Amino acid sequence: MNQTFLTPEGADKLRAELQELTTTKRQELSKRLREAIQMGDLSENADYIMAKEDQAFLEGKIQEIEATLRSATIVNNANQGVGAAEIVAVGCTVTVQERGEQAEKYMLVGAKEANPRERKISNESPIGRALLGRKVGEEVRAATPGGTLVLTIVAVEYA
């Protein structure tokens, strides 16, 4: 099993989601179940069956988030200081450039926080794995589904 990494912001976001699920969403679902039970015959009660399925999904999601928060390593780059750094690690923002292309910035995060649209790439992705532990100025090769990328690390920063 791979190590799960979360940034402090990612952990806060998961805690907030967990709070929402365990309070508001559970209460809403409980109300739906009570109303469905009051309709009578549970064996052919579509509302009851759907509410039970939703309850199972909700409880599964709660357990998944709790397990993630329990086992995750929160990356704290405070010891790195704010600003420029040398080595690429989870939680940093890395600027890379492909030959002949414009430089691009990505934040390297754990798989649970990855969101390419927000330019957050997973440490488990081909590019993330290629960048981890490397230094500014190094050229890295990442085997992606679209072919091999050759990237030069232009800058590494910690927020």
Protein backbone atom coordinates (compact mmCIF):
# COMPACT_ATOMS: atom_id res chain seq x y z
CA MET A 1 0.00 0.00 0.00
CA ASN A 2 1.34 3.43 -0.96
CA GLN A 3 1.88 6.17 1.60
CA THR A 4 -0.91 8.77 1.51
CA PHE A 5 0.22 12.40 1.61
CA LEU A 6 -1.97 15.42 2.28
CA THR A 7 -1.14 19.10 2.37
CA PRO A 8 -2.47 20.95 5.44
CA GLU A 9 -5.09 22.56 3.17
CA GLY A 10 -6.11 19.17 1.79
CA ALA A 11 -6.46 17.73 5.29
CA ASP A 12 -8.60 20.72 6.33
CA LYS A 13 -10.80 20.22 3.28
CA LEU A 14 -11.30 16.53 4.14
CA ARG A 15 -12.10 17.39 7.78
CA ALA A 16 -14.72 19.89 6.61
CA GLU A 17 -16.24 17.32 4.25
CA LEU A 18 -16.30 14.76 7.07
CA GLN A 19 -18.03 17.28 9.35
CA GLU A 20 -20.67 17.95 6.68
CA LEU A 21 -21.27 14.24 6.07
CA THR A 22 -21.50 13.27 9.75
CA THR A 23 -23.85 16.09 10.68
CA THR A 24 -26.01 17.61 7.96
CA LYS A 25 -26.01 14.73 5.46
CA ARG A 26 -26.63 12.04 8.11
CA GLN A 27 -29.54 14.05 9.54
CA GLU A 28 -31.09 14.55 6.09
CA LEU A 29 -30.78 10.85 5.35
CA SER A 30 -32.21 9.89 8.72
CA LYS A 31 -35.25 12.06 8.01
CA ARG A 32 -35.69 10.43 4.58
CA LEU A 33 -35.51 6.96 6.13
CA ARG A 34 -38.10 7.83 8.79
CA GLU A 35 -40.47 9.18 6.14
CA ALA A 36 -39.98 6.10 3.93
CA ILE A 37 -40.60 3.73 6.87
CA GLN A 38 -43.86 5.54 7.68
CA MET A 39 -45.13 4.70 4.18
CA GLY A 40 -45.50 1.05 5.18
CA ASP A 41 -44.47 -2.18 3.39
CA LEU A 42 -40.68 -1.91 3.26
CA SER A 43 -40.14 -4.83 0.87
CA GLU A 44 -41.59 -2.91 -2.09
CA ASN A 45 -40.94 0.64 -0.91
CA ALA A 46 -38.67 2.27 -3.51
CA ASP A 47 -38.05 5.33 -1.33
CA TYR A 48 -36.91 3.13 1.55
CA ILE A 49 -34.67 0.99 -0.67
CA MET A 50 -33.07 4.10 -2.22
CA ALA A 51 -32.58 5.73 1.19
CA LYS A 52 -30.88 2.56 2.50
CA GLU A 53 -28.57 2.49 -0.53
CA ASP A 54 -27.75 6.18 -0.01
CA GLN A 55 -27.09 5.48 3.67
CA ALA A 56 -24.65 2.68 2.80
CA PHE A 57 -22.85 4.98 0.36
CA LEU A 58 -22.70 7.82 2.91
CA GLU A 59 -21.32 5.58 5.66
CA GLY A 60 -18.74 4.15 3.25
CA LYS A 61 -17.61 7.66 2.31
CA ILE A 62 -17.35 8.62 5.99
CA GLN A 63 -15.24 5.54 6.73
CA GLU A 64 -12.99 6.26 3.73
CA ILE A 65 -12.33 9.85 4.83
CA GLU A 66 -11.74 8.81 8.45
CA ALA A 67 -9.25 6.14 7.33
CA THR A 68 -7.47 8.62 5.06
CA LEU A 69 -7.15 11.22 7.83
CA ARG A 70 -5.99 8.57 10.31
CA SER A 71 -3.25 7.16 8.11
CA ALA A 72 -2.17 10.14 6.00
CA THR A 73 1.10 11.95 6.39
CA ILE A 74 0.48 15.69 6.49
CA VAL A 75 3.29 17.33 4.55
CA ASN A 76 4.58 20.25 6.52
CA ASN A 77 7.12 22.18 4.59
CA ALA A 78 7.47 24.80 7.31
CA ASN A 79 10.97 23.49 7.96
CA GLN A 80 11.79 24.27 4.32
CA GLY A 81 10.80 27.88 4.80
CA VAL A 82 8.81 29.97 2.40
CA GLY A 83 10.25 30.61 -1.02
CA ALA A 84 12.81 28.90 -3.21
CA ALA A 85 14.02 25.39 -2.50
CA GLU A 86 16.36 22.88 -4.09
CA ILE A 87 14.64 19.48 -3.96
CA VAL A 88 11.20 18.55 -5.32
CA ALA A 89 8.96 17.08 -2.60
CA VAL A 90 5.26 16.61 -1.93
CA GLY A 91 3.72 19.96 -1.05
CA CYS A 92 5.97 22.10 -3.20
CA THR A 93 5.22 24.03 -6.36
CA VAL A 94 7.52 23.08 -9.19
CA THR A 95 8.04 24.97 -12.42
CA VAL A 96 8.98 22.75 -15.36
CA GLN A 97 9.66 23.40 -19.00
CA GLU A 98 9.47 21.07 -21.95
CA ARG A 99 11.84 21.86 -24.82
CA GLY A 100 10.43 24.62 -26.98
CA GLU A 101 7.40 25.11 -24.74
CA GLN A 102 6.41 27.68 -22.15
CA ALA A 103 7.25 26.92 -18.51
CA GLU A 104 4.37 25.55 -16.41
CA LYS A 105 3.82 25.47 -12.63
CA TYR A 106 2.38 22.49 -10.78
CA MET A 107 1.82 21.75 -7.13
CA LEU A 108 2.95 18.24 -6.19
CA VAL A 109 0.35 16.68 -3.87
CA GLY A 110 -0.75 13.27 -2.65
CA ALA A 111 -3.11 11.21 -4.82
CA LYS A 112 -6.19 12.16 -2.73
CA GLU A 113 -5.71 15.84 -3.57
CA ALA A 114 -4.67 15.54 -7.21
CA ASN A 115 -6.66 17.75 -9.57
CA PRO A 116 -5.06 18.47 -12.95
CA ARG A 117 -7.52 21.32 -13.62
CA GLU A 118 -6.13 23.11 -10.56
CA ARG A 119 -2.58 22.17 -11.63
CA LYS A 120 -2.20 19.79 -8.67
CA ILE A 121 -0.44 16.61 -9.75
CA SER A 122 -0.10 13.43 -7.75
CA ASN A 123 3.22 12.21 -6.43
CA GLU A 124 2.11 8.81 -7.80
CA SER A 125 1.56 10.06 -11.38
CA PRO A 126 4.28 9.43 -13.97
CA ILE A 127 5.33 13.10 -13.92
CA GLY A 128 5.13 13.31 -10.12
CA ARG A 129 7.28 10.20 -9.68
CA ALA A 130 9.84 11.55 -12.16
CA LEU A 131 10.09 14.89 -10.34
CA LEU A 132 10.28 13.66 -6.72
CA GLY A 133 13.68 14.12 -5.15
CA ARG A 134 15.12 15.92 -8.16
CA LYS A 135 16.82 19.33 -8.15
CA VAL A 136 16.50 22.62 -9.97
CA GLY A 137 18.24 22.45 -13.35
CA GLU A 138 17.85 18.67 -13.71
CA GLU A 139 16.24 17.16 -16.76
CA VAL A 140 13.72 14.38 -16.06
CA ARG A 141 11.94 11.88 -18.26
CA ALA A 142 8.36 10.89 -17.52
CA ALA A 143 6.73 8.02 -19.39
CA THR A 144 3.11 9.12 -19.85
CA PRO A 145 0.27 7.53 -21.83
CA GLY A 146 0.84 10.20 -24.49
CA GLY A 147 4.54 9.41 -24.77
CA THR A 148 7.74 10.26 -22.94
CA LEU A 149 8.04 13.85 -21.72
CA VAL A 150 11.43 15.44 -21.17
CA LEU A 151 11.12 18.23 -18.61
CA THR A 152 13.66 20.60 -17.10
CA ILE A 153 13.07 21.70 -13.52
CA VAL A 154 13.19 25.49 -13.58
CA ALA A 155 12.20 26.30 -9.99
CA VAL A 156 10.97 24.69 -6.76
CA GLU A 157 9.04 26.72 -4.20
CA TYR A 158 7.35 26.08 -0.87
CA ALA A 159 4.34 28.11 0.17
